[in-house]
Each structure stands twice: as C-alpha cells, then as structure tokens.
Amino acid sequence: MVLGFLGFLVWWIKDVPFTIIVVGVVLLMLYDFVRTLRYGDSGEGR
C-alpha cells in the first residue's frame, strides 16, 4: 500500500529530486524488511 502511494506520488510529481528521495526511502524500507525477516526484531547479526 505504501509502495503504491509512493509510486502514485512519483507519477504525479515529476520532479527528479523527489523521485531520488522516494527511491532511497523504498530501498531503506526493503533493507529493513529483509533484515527483520532474517534476524527478527532483536536485530542481531552484526
């Protein structure tokens, strides 16, 4: 749902800096999601 909303905003607001920020936020969300799946909420692994 969040990705759909951000995708709509990127499509609606065709501004390069905004698009770069949205791509960065999505990458951070995916990174956090994968780490949570691997190590759980405790965040162990480092």
N, C-alpha and C. Protein backbone atom coordinates (compact mmCIF):
# COMPACT_ATOMS: atom_id res chain seq x y z
N MET A 1 0.82 -1.18 0.00
CA MET A 1 0.00 0.00 0.00
C MET A 1 0.87 1.26 0.00
N VAL A 2 1.91 1.23 0.80
CA VAL A 2 2.83 2.37 0.86
C VAL A 2 3.55 2.53 -0.48
N LEU A 3 3.98 1.41 -1.06
CA LEU A 3 4.67 1.48 -2.34
C LEU A 3 3.74 2.00 -3.44
N GLY A 4 2.49 1.62 -3.39
CA GLY A 4 1.53 2.14 -4.37
C GLY A 4 1.33 3.64 -4.22
N PHE A 5 1.24 4.10 -2.99
CA PHE A 5 1.09 5.54 -2.74
C PHE A 5 2.32 6.31 -3.20
N LEU A 6 3.50 5.80 -2.87
CA LEU A 6 4.72 6.48 -3.30
C LEU A 6 4.86 6.46 -4.82
N GLY A 7 4.47 5.35 -5.44
CA GLY A 7 4.50 5.28 -6.90
C GLY A 7 3.56 6.29 -7.54
N PHE A 8 2.39 6.45 -6.95
CA PHE A 8 1.44 7.45 -7.44
C PHE A 8 2.02 8.86 -7.30
N LEU A 9 2.66 9.14 -6.16
CA LEU A 9 3.26 10.46 -5.97
C LEU A 9 4.37 10.73 -6.98
N VAL A 10 5.19 9.72 -7.25
CA VAL A 10 6.27 9.89 -8.23
C VAL A 10 5.68 10.14 -9.61
N TRP A 11 4.60 9.44 -9.93
CA TRP A 11 3.95 9.64 -11.23
C TRP A 11 3.31 11.02 -11.31
N TRP A 12 2.72 11.48 -10.20
CA TRP A 12 2.02 12.75 -10.18
C TRP A 12 2.99 13.93 -10.15
N ILE A 13 4.03 13.84 -9.31
CA ILE A 13 5.01 14.92 -9.15
C ILE A 13 6.26 14.50 -9.91
N LYS A 14 6.41 14.98 -11.11
CA LYS A 14 7.54 14.58 -11.95
C LYS A 14 8.73 15.49 -11.69
N ASP A 15 9.30 15.35 -10.50
CA ASP A 15 10.45 16.16 -10.09
C ASP A 15 11.60 15.21 -9.76
N VAL A 16 12.76 15.43 -10.34
CA VAL A 16 13.88 14.50 -10.19
C VAL A 16 14.34 14.36 -8.73
N PRO A 17 14.54 15.44 -7.97
CA PRO A 17 14.97 15.25 -6.57
C PRO A 17 13.95 14.46 -5.74
N PHE A 18 12.66 14.71 -5.98
CA PHE A 18 11.63 13.97 -5.26
C PHE A 18 11.69 12.48 -5.61
N THR A 19 11.90 12.17 -6.88
CA THR A 19 12.00 10.78 -7.31
C THR A 19 13.19 10.10 -6.66
N ILE A 20 14.32 10.78 -6.57
CA ILE A 20 15.51 10.22 -5.94
C ILE A 20 15.25 9.94 -4.46
N ILE A 21 14.57 10.86 -3.78
CA ILE A 21 14.25 10.66 -2.37
C ILE A 21 13.33 9.46 -2.19
N VAL A 22 12.31 9.33 -3.04
CA VAL A 22 11.38 8.20 -2.93
C VAL A 22 12.10 6.88 -3.18
N VAL A 23 12.97 6.83 -4.16
CA VAL A 23 13.73 5.60 -4.43
C VAL A 23 14.60 5.25 -3.22
N GLY A 24 15.24 6.24 -2.61
CA GLY A 24 16.05 5.99 -1.42
C GLY A 24 15.23 5.46 -0.26
N VAL A 25 14.04 6.03 -0.06
CA VAL A 25 13.17 5.57 1.03
C VAL A 25 12.71 4.14 0.78
N VAL A 26 12.36 3.81 -0.45
CA VAL A 26 11.92 2.44 -0.77
C VAL A 26 13.06 1.45 -0.55
N LEU A 27 14.27 1.81 -0.94
CA LEU A 27 15.42 0.92 -0.71
C LEU A 27 15.66 0.70 0.78
N LEU A 28 15.54 1.76 1.59
CA LEU A 28 15.70 1.60 3.04
C LEU A 28 14.60 0.72 3.62
N MET A 29 13.36 0.86 3.13
CA MET A 29 12.27 0.02 3.62
C MET A 29 12.52 -1.45 3.28
N LEU A 30 12.97 -1.72 2.06
CA LEU A 30 13.26 -3.10 1.67
C LEU A 30 14.41 -3.68 2.47
N TYR A 31 15.44 -2.88 2.72
CA TYR A 31 16.58 -3.33 3.53
C TYR A 31 16.11 -3.69 4.94
N ASP A 32 15.30 -2.83 5.54
CA ASP A 32 14.78 -3.09 6.88
C ASP A 32 13.89 -4.33 6.89
N PHE A 33 13.08 -4.51 5.87
CA PHE A 33 12.20 -5.67 5.79
C PHE A 33 13.00 -6.97 5.72
N VAL A 34 14.04 -6.99 4.89
CA VAL A 34 14.87 -8.19 4.75
C VAL A 34 15.60 -8.49 6.05
N ARG A 35 16.15 -7.47 6.71
CA ARG A 35 16.85 -7.69 7.99
C ARG A 35 15.89 -8.20 9.06
N THR A 36 14.66 -7.71 9.06
CA THR A 36 13.68 -8.17 10.03
C THR A 36 13.32 -9.63 9.77
N LEU A 37 13.21 -10.02 8.50
CA LEU A 37 12.91 -11.42 8.19
C LEU A 37 14.06 -12.33 8.60
N ARG A 38 15.30 -11.86 8.41
CA ARG A 38 16.46 -12.70 8.72
C ARG A 38 16.72 -12.81 10.22
N TYR A 39 16.71 -11.67 10.91
CA TYR A 39 17.17 -11.64 12.30
C TYR A 39 16.07 -11.36 13.31
N GLY A 40 14.87 -11.10 12.88
CA GLY A 40 13.79 -10.81 13.80
C GLY A 40 13.87 -9.38 14.31
N ASP A 41 13.06 -9.08 15.31
CA ASP A 41 13.01 -7.72 15.84
C ASP A 41 14.21 -7.39 16.71
N SER A 42 14.96 -8.40 17.14
CA SER A 42 16.10 -8.12 18.01
C SER A 42 17.24 -7.46 17.24
N GLY A 43 17.30 -7.66 15.94
CA GLY A 43 18.31 -7.01 15.11
C GLY A 43 19.69 -7.60 15.23
N GLU A 44 19.80 -8.80 15.77
CA GLU A 44 21.11 -9.43 15.90
C GLU A 44 21.64 -9.77 14.52
N GLY A 45 22.93 -9.87 14.40
CA GLY A 45 23.54 -10.23 13.14
C GLY A 45 24.76 -9.40 12.84
N ARG A 46 24.98 -8.35 13.60
CA ARG A 46 26.17 -7.54 13.42
C ARG A 46 26.98 -7.56 14.67
